[in-house]
Structures are given as structure tokens and as C-alpha cells.
Amino acid sequence: MWTCSDSEEIYVWARTGNQVTKLAELNKHKGRVTSLCPVQDTVWSGSFDKTVIVWDAETFQFLQQHSGQHSDSVRCVIEVEEGVVWVSAFDRNLSIWHYFDAHANFRK
């Protein structure tokens, strides 16, 4: 399970029976993390820093950062259909991404 809060961190957790263990703490954003979205073999995170970061869902490694598309905080990241990700922000704009694989092949 991946979680975010009003901090800049993302946490990855595992549950075994009644025990919960933190597997990773991810720290690439420079502002509050507002949204998380699983997309195939990745997890996308949006932030007050106006960026979207793509993480490998298995290794938790940073794959790519998308910046420059929004002039205000990212509020929502959602996969609307397989491989198509919409990102909305407080700037009232929507960016649409087409995801191909975990090796950073994207098309805006």
C-alpha cells in the first residue's frame, strides 16, 4: 500500500497478518504530495510542487519527473483508461499522458 499526506513524503507499506511494516520512504517532491495513482507497473504522484513523479511500483525507484505542464499545484492524478493518465491542477488545466512502459516511454 502506498500513502501520502500533507508532507513531502510517500510511504510504502506491507501488511502481514496484523502487522504493518514500512517498506520505503520516498522523498523526491518539494511540496505536499496530494495524489497517488497506480498505473500498470508504476505509481504516479502529484504534488504542490507542480510536478508529477513516476515510481516503479515493485522497486519503489524514481523513474521520471514531469514538470512545466502546470503553473499551480497538482491536485489529482487518475488513470482514465489503460495507459491514459489525466493530471489536473489548481491552474485549471488538464494534462493528458499516454504511458507505455516503466522505462520512461511517455507521450504528452
PDB file of N, CA and C in Angstrom:
ATOM      1  N   MET A   1       0.836  -1.168   0.000  1.00  0.00           N
ATOM      2  CA  MET A   1       0.000   0.000   0.000  1.00  0.00           C
ATOM      3  C   MET A   1       0.886   1.237   0.000  1.00  0.00           C
ATOM      4  N   TRP A   2       0.499   2.226  -0.806  1.00  0.00           N
ATOM      5  CA  TRP A   2       1.214   3.495  -0.876  1.00  0.00           C
ATOM      6  C   TRP A   2       0.352   4.571  -0.225  1.00  0.00           C
ATOM      7  N   THR A   3       0.975   5.450   0.583  1.00  0.00           N
ATOM      8  CA  THR A   3       0.232   6.538   1.218  1.00  0.00           C
ATOM      9  C   THR A   3       1.008   7.844   1.091  1.00  0.00           C
ATOM     10  N   CYS A   4       0.252   8.944   1.164  1.00  0.00           N
ATOM     11  CA  CYS A   4       0.846  10.274   1.199  1.00  0.00           C
ATOM     12  C   CYS A   4       0.046  11.100   2.186  1.00  0.00           C
ATOM     13  N   SER A   5       0.616  12.252   2.558  1.00  0.00           N
ATOM     14  CA  SER A   5      -0.081  13.122   3.491  1.00  0.00           C
ATOM     15  C   SER A   5       0.305  14.557   3.180  1.00  0.00           C
ATOM     16  N   ASP A   6       0.156  15.434   4.147  1.00  0.00           N
ATOM     17  CA  ASP A   6       0.494  16.832   3.939  1.00  0.00           C
ATOM     18  C   ASP A   6       1.995  17.093   3.996  1.00  0.00           C
ATOM     19  N   SER A   7       2.771  16.046   3.960  1.00  0.00           N
ATOM     20  CA  SER A   7       4.220  16.214   3.942  1.00  0.00           C
ATOM     21  C   SER A   7       4.724  15.986   2.517  1.00  0.00           C
ATOM     22  N   GLU A   8       6.009  16.038   2.328  1.00  0.00           N
ATOM     23  CA  GLU A   8       6.621  15.807   1.019  1.00  0.00           C
ATOM     24  C   GLU A   8       6.920  14.331   0.781  1.00  0.00           C
ATOM     25  N   GLU A   9       6.617  13.486   1.745  1.00  0.00           N
ATOM     26  CA  GLU A   9       6.990  12.084   1.664  1.00  0.00           C
ATOM     27  C   GLU A   9       5.843  11.194   1.163  1.00  0.00           C
ATOM     28  N   ILE A  10       6.264  10.092   0.574  1.00  0.00           N
ATOM     29  CA  ILE A  10       5.368   8.995   0.212  1.00  0.00           C
ATOM     30  C   ILE A  10       5.882   7.782   0.967  1.00  0.00           C
ATOM     31  N   TYR A  11       4.955   7.012   1.526  1.00  0.00           N
ATOM     32  CA  TYR A  11       5.336   5.817   2.273  1.00  0.00           C
ATOM     33  C   TYR A  11       4.756   4.589   1.591  1.00  0.00           C
ATOM     34  N   VAL A  12       5.555   3.520   1.578  1.00  0.00           N
ATOM     35  CA  VAL A  12       5.105   2.240   1.038  1.00  0.00           C
ATOM     36  C   VAL A  12       5.062   1.249   2.191  1.00  0.00           C
ATOM     37  N   TRP A  13       3.929   0.541   2.331  1.00  0.00           N
ATOM     38  CA  TRP A  13       3.686  -0.343   3.465  1.00  0.00           C
ATOM     39  C   TRP A  13       3.365  -1.757   2.995  1.00  0.00           C
ATOM     40  N   ALA A  14       3.633  -2.713   3.867  1.00  0.00           N
ATOM     41  CA  ALA A  14       3.230  -4.105   3.645  1.00  0.00           C
ATOM     42  C   ALA A  14       2.521  -4.599   4.898  1.00  0.00           C
ATOM     43  N   ARG A  15       1.528  -5.424   4.690  1.00  0.00           N
ATOM     44  CA  ARG A  15       0.807  -5.994   5.827  1.00  0.00           C
ATOM     45  C   ARG A  15       0.937  -7.506   5.802  1.00  0.00           C
ATOM     46  N   THR A  16       1.342  -8.049   6.930  1.00  0.00           N
ATOM     47  CA  THR A  16       1.411  -9.488   7.126  1.00  0.00           C
ATOM     48  C   THR A  16       0.597  -9.799   8.374  1.00  0.00           C
ATOM     49  N   GLY A  17      -0.542 -10.444   8.188  1.00  0.00           N
ATOM     50  CA  GLY A  17      -1.429 -10.687   9.323  1.00  0.00           C
ATOM     51  C   GLY A  17      -1.874  -9.374   9.920  1.00  0.00           C
ATOM     52  N   ASN A  18      -1.620  -9.190  11.224  1.00  0.00           N
ATOM     53  CA  ASN A  18      -1.987  -7.952  11.901  1.00  0.00           C
ATOM     54  C   ASN A  18      -0.847  -6.944  11.971  1.00  0.00           C
ATOM     55  N   GLN A  19       0.283  -7.269  11.373  1.00  0.00           N
ATOM     56  CA  GLN A  19       1.459  -6.408  11.463  1.00  0.00           C
ATOM     57  C   GLN A  19       1.647  -5.608  10.173  1.00  0.00           C
ATOM     58  N   VAL A  20       1.909  -4.305  10.333  1.00  0.00           N
ATOM     59  CA  VAL A  20       2.168  -3.419   9.204  1.00  0.00           C
ATOM     60  C   VAL A  20       3.619  -2.962   9.276  1.00  0.00           C
ATOM     61  N   THR A  21       4.319  -3.061   8.162  1.00  0.00           N
ATOM     62  CA  THR A  21       5.733  -2.703   8.101  1.00  0.00           C
ATOM     63  C   THR A  21       5.958  -1.663   7.017  1.00  0.00           C
ATOM     64  N   LYS A  22       6.738  -0.616   7.345  1.00  0.00           N
ATOM     65  CA  LYS A  22       7.091   0.374   6.329  1.00  0.00           C
ATOM     66  C   LYS A  22       8.222  -0.184   5.474  1.00  0.00           C
ATOM     67  N   LEU A  23       7.992  -0.252   4.158  1.00  0.00           N
ATOM     68  CA  LEU A  23       8.992  -0.778   3.229  1.00  0.00           C
ATOM     69  C   LEU A  23       9.885   0.313   2.653  1.00  0.00           C
ATOM     70  N   ALA A  24       9.308   1.510   2.468  1.00  0.00           N
ATOM     71  CA  ALA A  24      10.087   2.582   1.838  1.00  0.00           C
ATOM     72  C   ALA A  24       9.504   3.941   2.199  1.00  0.00           C
ATOM     73  N   GLU A  25      10.383   4.941   2.178  1.00  0.00           N
ATOM     74  CA  GLU A  25      10.005   6.340   2.315  1.00  0.00           C
ATOM     75  C   GLU A  25      10.602   7.069   1.122  1.00  0.00           C
ATOM     76  N   LEU A  26       9.763   7.647   0.289  1.00  0.00           N
ATOM     77  CA  LEU A  26      10.203   8.270  -0.954  1.00  0.00           C
ATOM     78  C   LEU A  26      10.149   9.783  -0.817  1.00  0.00           C
ATOM     79  N   ASN A  27      11.238  10.457  -1.178  1.00  0.00           N
ATOM     80  CA  ASN A  27      11.388  11.894  -0.905  1.00  0.00           C
ATOM     81  C   ASN A  27      11.874  12.683  -2.118  1.00  0.00           C
ATOM     82  N   LYS A  28      11.145  12.700  -3.204  1.00  0.00           N
ATOM     83  CA  LYS A  28      11.566  13.478  -4.379  1.00  0.00           C
ATOM     84  C   LYS A  28      10.786  14.773  -4.550  1.00  0.00           C
ATOM     85  N   HIS A  29       9.576  14.838  -4.010  1.00  0.00           N
ATOM     86  CA  HIS A  29       8.775  16.045  -4.173  1.00  0.00           C
ATOM     87  C   HIS A  29       9.283  17.154  -3.260  1.00  0.00           C
ATOM     88  N   LYS A  30       9.048  18.392  -3.675  1.00  0.00           N
ATOM     89  CA  LYS A  30       9.448  19.573  -2.900  1.00  0.00           C
ATOM     90  C   LYS A  30       8.230  20.309  -2.340  1.00  0.00           C
ATOM     91  N   GLY A  31       7.121  19.624  -2.263  1.00  0.00           N
ATOM     92  CA  GLY A  31       5.896  20.184  -1.710  1.00  0.00           C
ATOM     93  C   GLY A  31       4.983  19.049  -1.296  1.00  0.00           C
ATOM     94  N   ARG A  32       3.855  19.384  -0.665  1.00  0.00           N
ATOM     95  CA  ARG A  32       2.899  18.355  -0.225  1.00  0.00           C
ATOM     96  C   ARG A  32       2.539  17.415  -1.366  1.00  0.00           C
ATOM     97  N   VAL A  33       2.477  16.151  -1.068  1.00  0.00           N
ATOM     98  CA  VAL A  33       2.031  15.163  -2.051  1.00  0.00           C
ATOM     99  C   VAL A  33       0.510  15.052  -1.923  1.00  0.00           C
ATOM    100  N   THR A  34      -0.182  15.310  -3.011  1.00  0.00           N
ATOM    101  CA  THR A  34      -1.639  15.413  -2.981  1.00  0.00           C
ATOM    102  C   THR A  34      -2.359  14.207  -3.550  1.00  0.00           C
ATOM    103  N   SER A  35      -1.673  13.422  -4.376  1.00  0.00           N
ATOM    104  CA  SER A  35      -2.372  12.303  -5.008  1.00  0.00           C
ATOM    105  C   SER A  35      -1.404  11.193  -5.396  1.00  0.00           C
ATOM    106  N   LEU A  36      -1.936   9.982  -5.379  1.00  0.00           N
ATOM    107  CA  LEU A  36      -1.210   8.791  -5.829  1.00  0.00           C
ATOM    108  C   LEU A  36      -2.118   8.023  -6.770  1.00  0.00           C
ATOM    109  N   CYS A  37      -1.536   7.481  -7.832  1.00  0.00           N
ATOM    110  CA  CYS A  37      -2.333   6.730  -8.794  1.00  0.00           C
ATOM    111  C   CYS A  37      -1.527   5.556  -9.337  1.00  0.00           C
ATOM    112  N   PRO A  38      -2.006   4.315  -9.133  1.00  0.00           N
ATOM    113  CA  PRO A  38      -1.330   3.174  -9.751  1.00  0.00           C
ATOM    114  C   PRO A  38      -1.629   3.140 -11.245  1.00  0.00           C
ATOM    115  N   VAL A  39      -0.577   2.967 -12.039  1.00  0.00           N
ATOM    116  CA  VAL A  39      -0.717   2.878 -13.495  1.00  0.00           C
ATOM    117  C   VAL A  39       0.158   1.719 -13.953  1.00  0.00           C
ATOM    118  N   GLN A  40      -0.475   0.607 -14.274  1.00  0.00           N
ATOM    119  CA  GLN A  40       0.218  -0.612 -14.681  1.00  0.00           C
ATOM    120  C   GLN A  40       1.288  -0.982 -13.664  1.00  0.00           C
ATOM    121  N   ASP A  41       2.572  -0.941 -14.041  1.00  0.00           N
ATOM    122  CA  ASP A  41       3.656  -1.346 -13.139  1.00  0.00           C
ATOM    123  C   ASP A  41       4.336  -0.151 -12.480  1.00  0.00           C
ATOM    124  N   THR A  42       3.611   0.973 -12.393  1.00  0.00           N
ATOM    125  CA  THR A  42       4.143   2.190 -11.793  1.00  0.00           C
ATOM    126  C   THR A  42       3.121   2.793 -10.830  1.00  0.00           C
ATOM    127  N   VAL A  43       3.589   3.780 -10.060  1.00  0.00           N
ATOM    128  CA  VAL A  43       2.697   4.622  -9.256  1.00  0.00           C
ATOM    129  C   VAL A  43       3.080   6.064  -9.570  1.00  0.00           C
ATOM    130  N   TRP A  44       2.072   6.886  -9.860  1.00  0.00           N
ATOM    131  CA  TRP A  44       2.283   8.291 -10.181  1.00  0.00           C
ATOM    132  C   TRP A  44       1.889   9.125  -8.976  1.00  0.00           C
ATOM    133  N   SER A  45       2.681  10.143  -8.649  1.00  0.00           N
ATOM    134  CA  SER A  45       2.368  11.032  -7.527  1.00  0.00           C
ATOM    135  C   SER A  45       2.322  12.476  -8.016  1.00  0.00           C
ATOM    136  N   GLY A  46       1.331  13.217  -7.513  1.00  0.00           N
ATOM    137  CA  GLY A  46       1.199  14.636  -7.822  1.00  0.00           C
ATOM    138  C   GLY A  46       1.451  15.451  -6.571  1.00  0.00           C
ATOM    139  N   SER A  47       1.877  16.712  -6.755  1.00  0.00           N
ATOM    140  CA  SER A  47       2.317  17.481  -5.594  1.00  0.00           C
ATOM    141  C   SER A  47       2.053  18.977  -5.740  1.00  0.00           C
ATOM    142  N   PHE A  48       2.109  19.665  -4.590  1.00  0.00           N
ATOM    143  CA  PHE A  48       2.058  21.119  -4.562  1.00  0.00           C
ATOM    144  C   PHE A  48       3.261  21.724  -5.285  1.00  0.00           C
ATOM    145  N   ASP A  49       4.306  20.947  -5.542  1.00  0.00           N
ATOM    146  CA  ASP A  49       5.479  21.477  -6.256  1.00  0.00           C
ATOM    147  C   ASP A  49       5.251  21.566  -7.767  1.00  0.00           C
ATOM    148  N   LYS A  50       4.000  21.309  -8.214  1.00  0.00           N
ATOM    149  CA  LYS A  50       3.566  21.442  -9.618  1.00  0.00           C
ATOM    150  C   LYS A  50       4.098  20.329 -10.508  1.00  0.00           C
ATOM    151  N   THR A  51       4.549  19.229  -9.916  1.00  0.00           N
ATOM    152  CA  THR A  51       5.126  18.134 -10.697  1.00  0.00           C
ATOM    153  C   THR A  51       4.363  16.830 -10.483  1.00  0.00           C
ATOM    154  N   VAL A  52       4.621  15.908 -11.409  1.00  0.00           N
ATOM    155  CA  VAL A  52       4.169  14.526 -11.283  1.00  0.00           C
ATOM    156  C   VAL A  52       5.416  13.660 -11.366  1.00  0.00           C
ATOM    157  N   ILE A  53       5.532  12.731 -10.428  1.00  0.00           N
ATOM    158  CA  ILE A  53       6.667  11.813 -10.435  1.00  0.00           C
ATOM    159  C   ILE A  53       6.135  10.402 -10.670  1.00  0.00           C
ATOM    160  N   VAL A  54       6.870   9.652 -11.491  1.00  0.00           N
ATOM    161  CA  VAL A  54       6.522   8.264 -11.784  1.00  0.00           C
ATOM    162  C   VAL A  54       7.522   7.359 -11.066  1.00  0.00           C
ATOM    163  N   TRP A  55       6.980   6.407 -10.295  1.00  0.00           N
ATOM    164  CA  TRP A  55       7.779   5.480  -9.487  1.00  0.00           C
ATOM    165  C   TRP A  55       7.561   4.056  -9.980  1.00  0.00           C
ATOM    166  N   ASP A  56       8.587   3.221  -9.878  1.00  0.00           N
ATOM    167  CA  ASP A  56       8.439   1.789 -10.151  1.00  0.00           C
ATOM    168  C   ASP A  56       7.679   1.176  -8.979  1.00  0.00           C
ATOM    169  N   ALA A  57       6.562   0.529  -9.247  1.00  0.00           N
ATOM    170  CA  ALA A  57       5.708   0.001  -8.181  1.00  0.00           C
ATOM    171  C   ALA A  57       6.336  -1.173  -7.439  1.00  0.00           C
ATOM    172  N   GLU A  58       7.279  -1.846  -8.048  1.00  0.00           N
ATOM    173  CA  GLU A  58       7.897  -3.013  -7.411  1.00  0.00           C
ATOM    174  C   GLU A  58       9.164  -2.664  -6.639  1.00  0.00           C
ATOM    175  N   THR A  59      10.012  -1.820  -7.244  1.00  0.00           N
ATOM    176  CA  THR A  59      11.300  -1.493  -6.612  1.00  0.00           C
ATOM    177  C   THR A  59      11.257  -0.167  -5.859  1.00  0.00           C
ATOM    178  N   PHE A  60      10.197   0.627  -6.058  1.00  0.00           N
ATOM    179  CA  PHE A  60       9.999   1.941  -5.443  1.00  0.00           C
ATOM    180  C   PHE A  60      11.005   2.976  -5.951  1.00  0.00           C
ATOM    181  N   GLN A  61      11.660   2.702  -7.054  1.00  0.00           N
ATOM    182  CA  GLN A  61      12.656   3.603  -7.609  1.00  0.00           C
ATOM    183  C   GLN A  61      12.002   4.726  -8.414  1.00  0.00           C
ATOM    184  N   PHE A  62      12.599   5.902  -8.354  1.00  0.00           N
ATOM    185  CA  PHE A  62      12.209   7.053  -9.165  1.00  0.00           C
ATOM    186  C   PHE A  62      12.463   6.721 -10.635  1.00  0.00           C
ATOM    187  N   LEU A  63      11.477   6.964 -11.494  1.00  0.00           N
ATOM    188  CA  LEU A  63      11.639   6.726 -12.923  1.00  0.00           C
ATOM    189  C   LEU A  63      11.722   8.023 -13.718  1.00  0.00           C
ATOM    190  N   GLN A  64      10.770   8.936 -13.451  1.00  0.00           N
ATOM    191  CA  GLN A  64      10.739  10.161 -14.242  1.00  0.00           C
ATOM    192  C   GLN A  64       9.927  11.227 -13.520  1.00  0.00           C
ATOM    193  N   GLN A  65      10.294  12.489 -13.773  1.00  0.00           N
ATOM    194  CA  GLN A  65       9.535  13.608 -13.228  1.00  0.00           C
ATOM    195  C   GLN A  65       9.002  14.432 -14.390  1.00  0.00           C
ATOM    196  N   HIS A  66       7.711  14.748 -14.335  1.00  0.00           N
ATOM    197  CA  HIS A  66       7.080  15.610 -15.326  1.00  0.00           C
ATOM    198  C   HIS A  66       6.880  16.980 -14.687  1.00  0.00           C
ATOM    199  N   SER A  67       7.475  17.996 -15.276  1.00  0.00           N
ATOM    200  CA  SER A  67       7.326  19.349 -14.748  1.00  0.00           C
ATOM    201  C   SER A  67       7.137  20.312 -15.914  1.00  0.00           C
ATOM    202  N   GLY A  68       6.622  21.496 -15.603  1.00  0.00           N
ATOM    203  CA  GLY A  68       6.426  22.519 -16.621  1.00  0.00           C
ATOM    204  C   GLY A  68       5.055  22.501 -17.278  1.00  0.00           C
ATOM    205  N   GLN A  69       4.234  21.508 -16.982  1.00  0.00           N
ATOM    206  CA  GLN A  69       2.902  21.444 -17.572  1.00  0.00           C
ATOM    207  C   GLN A  69       1.894  22.284 -16.794  1.00  0.00           C
ATOM    208  N   HIS A  70       2.154  22.516 -15.514  1.00  0.00           N
ATOM    209  CA  HIS A  70       1.206  23.234 -14.668  1.00  0.00           C
ATOM    210  C   HIS A  70       1.889  24.393 -13.963  1.00  0.00           C
ATOM    211  N   SER A  71       1.124  25.488 -13.808  1.00  0.00           N
ATOM    212  CA  SER A  71       1.651  26.678 -13.137  1.00  0.00           C
ATOM    213  C   SER A  71       1.171  26.775 -11.691  1.00  0.00           C
ATOM    214  N   ASP A  72       0.436  25.763 -11.252  1.00  0.00           N
ATOM    215  CA  ASP A  72      -0.033  25.724  -9.870  1.00  0.00           C
ATOM    216  C   ASP A  72      -0.024  24.265  -9.404  1.00  0.00           C
ATOM    217  N   SER A  73      -0.371  24.049  -8.159  1.00  0.00           N
ATOM    218  CA  SER A  73      -0.294  22.728  -7.526  1.00  0.00           C
ATOM    219  C   SER A  73      -1.097  21.659  -8.259  1.00  0.00           C
ATOM    220  N   VAL A  74      -0.501  20.482  -8.400  1.00  0.00           N
ATOM    221  CA  VAL A  74      -1.214  19.324  -8.942  1.00  0.00           C
ATOM    222  C   VAL A  74      -2.155  18.811  -7.864  1.00  0.00           C
ATOM    223  N   ARG A  75      -3.406  18.581  -8.223  1.00  0.00           N
ATOM    224  CA  ARG A  75      -4.406  18.138  -7.243  1.00  0.00           C
ATOM    225  C   ARG A  75      -4.880  16.714  -7.487  1.00  0.00           C
ATOM    226  N   CYS A  76      -4.879  16.256  -8.728  1.00  0.00           N
ATOM    227  CA  CYS A  76      -5.435  14.934  -8.995  1.00  0.00           C
ATOM    228  C   CYS A  76      -4.683  14.261 -10.133  1.00  0.00           C
ATOM    229  N   VAL A  77      -4.376  12.985  -9.934  1.00  0.00           N
ATOM    230  CA  VAL A  77      -3.783  12.143 -10.973  1.00  0.00           C
ATOM    231  C   VAL A  77      -4.673  10.912 -11.059  1.00  0.00           C
ATOM    232  N   ILE A  78      -5.186  10.610 -12.260  1.00  0.00           N
ATOM    233  CA  ILE A  78      -6.091   9.475 -12.409  1.00  0.00           C
ATOM    234  C   ILE A  78      -5.868   8.799 -13.757  1.00  0.00           C
ATOM    235  N   GLU A  79      -5.886   7.474 -13.732  1.00  0.00           N
ATOM    236  CA  GLU A  79      -5.817   6.695 -14.975  1.00  0.00           C
ATOM    237  C   GLU A  79      -7.253   6.512 -15.465  1.00  0.00           C
ATOM    238  N   VAL A  80      -7.601   7.169 -16.569  1.00  0.00           N
ATOM    239  CA  VAL A  80      -8.981   7.137 -17.057  1.00  0.00           C
ATOM    240  C   VAL A  80      -9.267   5.923 -17.922  1.00  0.00           C
ATOM    241  N   GLU A  81      -8.260   5.375 -18.524  1.00  0.00           N
ATOM    242  CA  GLU A  81      -8.324   4.106 -19.231  1.00  0.00           C
ATOM    243  C   GLU A  81      -6.909   3.554 -19.271  1.00  0.00           C
ATOM    244  N   GLU A  82      -6.757   2.313 -19.629  1.00  0.00           N
ATOM    245  CA  GLU A  82      -5.437   1.694 -19.530  1.00  0.00           C
ATOM    246  C   GLU A  82      -4.372   2.516 -20.255  1.00  0.00           C
ATOM    247  N   GLY A  83      -3.397   2.989 -19.477  1.00  0.00           N
ATOM    248  CA  GLY A  83      -2.271   3.725 -20.033  1.00  0.00           C
ATOM    249  C   GLY A  83      -2.526   5.188 -20.332  1.00  0.00           C
ATOM    250  N   VAL A  84      -3.720   5.694 -20.043  1.00  0.00           N
ATOM    251  CA  VAL A  84      -4.028   7.107 -20.274  1.00  0.00           C
ATOM    252  C   VAL A  84      -4.252   7.775 -18.915  1.00  0.00           C
ATOM    253  N   VAL A  85      -3.388   8.731 -18.604  1.00  0.00           N
ATOM    254  CA  VAL A  85      -3.404   9.378 -17.291  1.00  0.00           C
ATOM    255  C   VAL A  85      -3.741  10.853 -17.461  1.00  0.00           C
ATOM    256  N   TRP A  86      -4.715  11.310 -16.671  1.00  0.00           N
ATOM    257  CA  TRP A  86      -5.074  12.722 -16.637  1.00  0.00           C
ATOM    258  C   TRP A  86      -4.532  13.326 -15.358  1.00  0.00           C
ATOM    259  N   VAL A  87      -3.968  14.520 -15.488  1.00  0.00           N
ATOM    260  CA  VAL A  87      -3.447  15.255 -14.339  1.00  0.00           C
ATOM    261  C   VAL A  87      -4.119  16.633 -14.327  1.00  0.00           C
ATOM    262  N   SER A  88      -4.766  16.960 -13.207  1.00  0.00           N
ATOM    263  CA  SER A  88      -5.378  18.281 -13.081  1.00  0.00           C
ATOM    264  C   SER A  88      -4.670  19.056 -11.966  1.00  0.00           C
ATOM    265  N   ALA A  89      -4.776  20.384 -12.079  1.00  0.00           N
ATOM    266  CA  ALA A  89      -4.101  21.250 -11.117  1.00  0.00           C
ATOM    267  C   ALA A  89      -4.976  22.460 -10.809  1.00  0.00           C
ATOM    268  N   PHE A  90      -4.546  23.220  -9.792  1.00  0.00           N
ATOM    269  CA  PHE A  90      -5.261  24.431  -9.421  1.00  0.00           C
ATOM    270  C   PHE A  90      -5.196  25.507 -10.511  1.00  0.00           C
ATOM    271  N   ASP A  91      -4.342  25.331 -11.511  1.00  0.00           N
ATOM    272  CA  ASP A  91      -4.271  26.307 -12.606  1.00  0.00           C
ATOM    273  C   ASP A  91      -5.411  26.128 -13.616  1.00  0.00           C
ATOM    274  N   ARG A  92      -6.317  25.182 -13.323  1.00  0.00           N
ATOM    275  CA  ARG A  92      -7.495  24.893 -14.154  1.00  0.00           C
ATOM    276  C   ARG A  92      -7.126  24.271 -15.494  1.00  0.00           C
ATOM    277  N   ASN A  93      -5.981  23.641 -15.555  1.00  0.00           N
ATOM    278  CA  ASN A  93      -5.555  22.948 -16.760  1.00  0.00           C
ATOM    279  C   ASN A  93      -5.503  21.456 -16.526  1.00  0.00           C
ATOM    280  N   LEU A  94      -5.609  20.731 -17.600  1.00  0.00           N
ATOM    281  CA  LEU A  94      -5.561  19.275 -17.585  1.00  0.00           C
ATOM    282  C   LEU A  94      -4.459  18.829 -18.530  1.00  0.00           C
ATOM    283  N   SER A  95      -3.532  18.012 -18.047  1.00  0.00           N
ATOM    284  CA  SER A  95      -2.541  17.423 -18.945  1.00  0.00           C
ATOM    285  C   SER A  95      -2.871  15.941 -19.079  1.00  0.00           C
ATOM    286  N   ILE A  96      -2.707  15.434 -20.279  1.00  0.00           N
ATOM    287  CA  ILE A  96      -3.037  14.042 -20.578  1.00  0.00           C
ATOM    288  C   ILE A  96      -1.770  13.336 -21.023  1.00  0.00           C
ATOM    289  N   TRP A  97      -1.484  12.183 -20.381  1.00  0.00           N
ATOM    290  CA  TRP A  97      -0.275  11.421 -20.650  1.00  0.00           C
ATOM    291  C   TRP A  97      -0.643  10.030 -21.129  1.00  0.00           C
ATOM    292  N   HIS A  98       0.129   9.531 -22.075  1.00  0.00           N
ATOM    293  CA  HIS A  98      -0.023   8.168 -22.578  1.00  0.00           C
ATOM    294  C   HIS A  98       1.197   7.379 -22.123  1.00  0.00           C
ATOM    295  N   TYR A  99       0.958   6.391 -21.283  1.00  0.00           N
ATOM    296  CA  TYR A  99       2.025   5.613 -20.660  1.00  0.00           C
ATOM    297  C   TYR A  99       2.240   4.337 -21.459  1.00  0.00           C
ATOM    298  N   PHE A 100       3.518   3.982 -21.717  1.00  0.00           N
ATOM    299  CA  PHE A 100       3.817   2.783 -22.485  1.00  0.00           C
ATOM    300  C   PHE A 100       4.525   1.700 -21.692  1.00  0.00           C
ATOM    301  N   ASP A 101       5.558   2.051 -20.931  1.00  0.00           N
ATOM    302  CA  ASP A 101       6.250   1.055 -20.105  1.00  0.00           C
ATOM    303  C   ASP A 101       7.042   1.750 -19.002  1.00  0.00           C
ATOM    304  N   ALA A 102       7.574   0.962 -18.094  1.00  0.00           N
ATOM    305  CA  ALA A 102       8.243   1.507 -16.908  1.00  0.00           C
ATOM    306  C   ALA A 102       9.606   2.120 -17.204  1.00  0.00           C
ATOM    307  N   HIS A 103      10.016   2.118 -18.443  1.00  0.00           N
ATOM    308  CA  HIS A 103      11.318   2.680 -18.775  1.00  0.00           C
ATOM    309  C   HIS A 103      11.176   4.070 -19.372  1.00  0.00           C
ATOM    310  N   ALA A 104      10.191   4.821 -18.869  1.00  0.00           N
ATOM    311  CA  ALA A 104      10.019   6.239 -19.155  1.00  0.00           C
ATOM    312  C   ALA A 104       9.664   6.530 -20.605  1.00  0.00           C
ATOM    313  N   ASN A 105       8.858   5.691 -21.211  1.00  0.00           N
ATOM    314  CA  ASN A 105       8.349   5.989 -22.546  1.00  0.00           C
ATOM    315  C   ASN A 105       6.948   6.573 -22.402  1.00  0.00           C
ATOM    316  N   PHE A 106       6.879   7.892 -22.523  1.00  0.00           N
ATOM    317  CA  PHE A 106       5.632   8.610 -22.323  1.00  0.00           C
ATOM    318  C   PHE A 106       5.402   9.532 -23.507  1.00  0.00           C
ATOM    319  N   ARG A 107       4.176   9.875 -23.725  1.00  0.00           N
ATOM    320  CA  ARG A 107       3.841  10.871 -24.731  1.00  0.00           C
ATOM    321  C   ARG A 107       2.785  11.776 -24.119  1.00  0.00           C
ATOM    322  N   LYS A 108       2.991  13.053 -24.228  1.00  0.00           N
ATOM    323  CA  LYS A 108       2.003  14.005 -23.694  1.00  0.00           C
ATOM    324  C   LYS A 108       0.969  14.255 -24.762  1.00  0.00           C
TER     325      LYS A 108
END
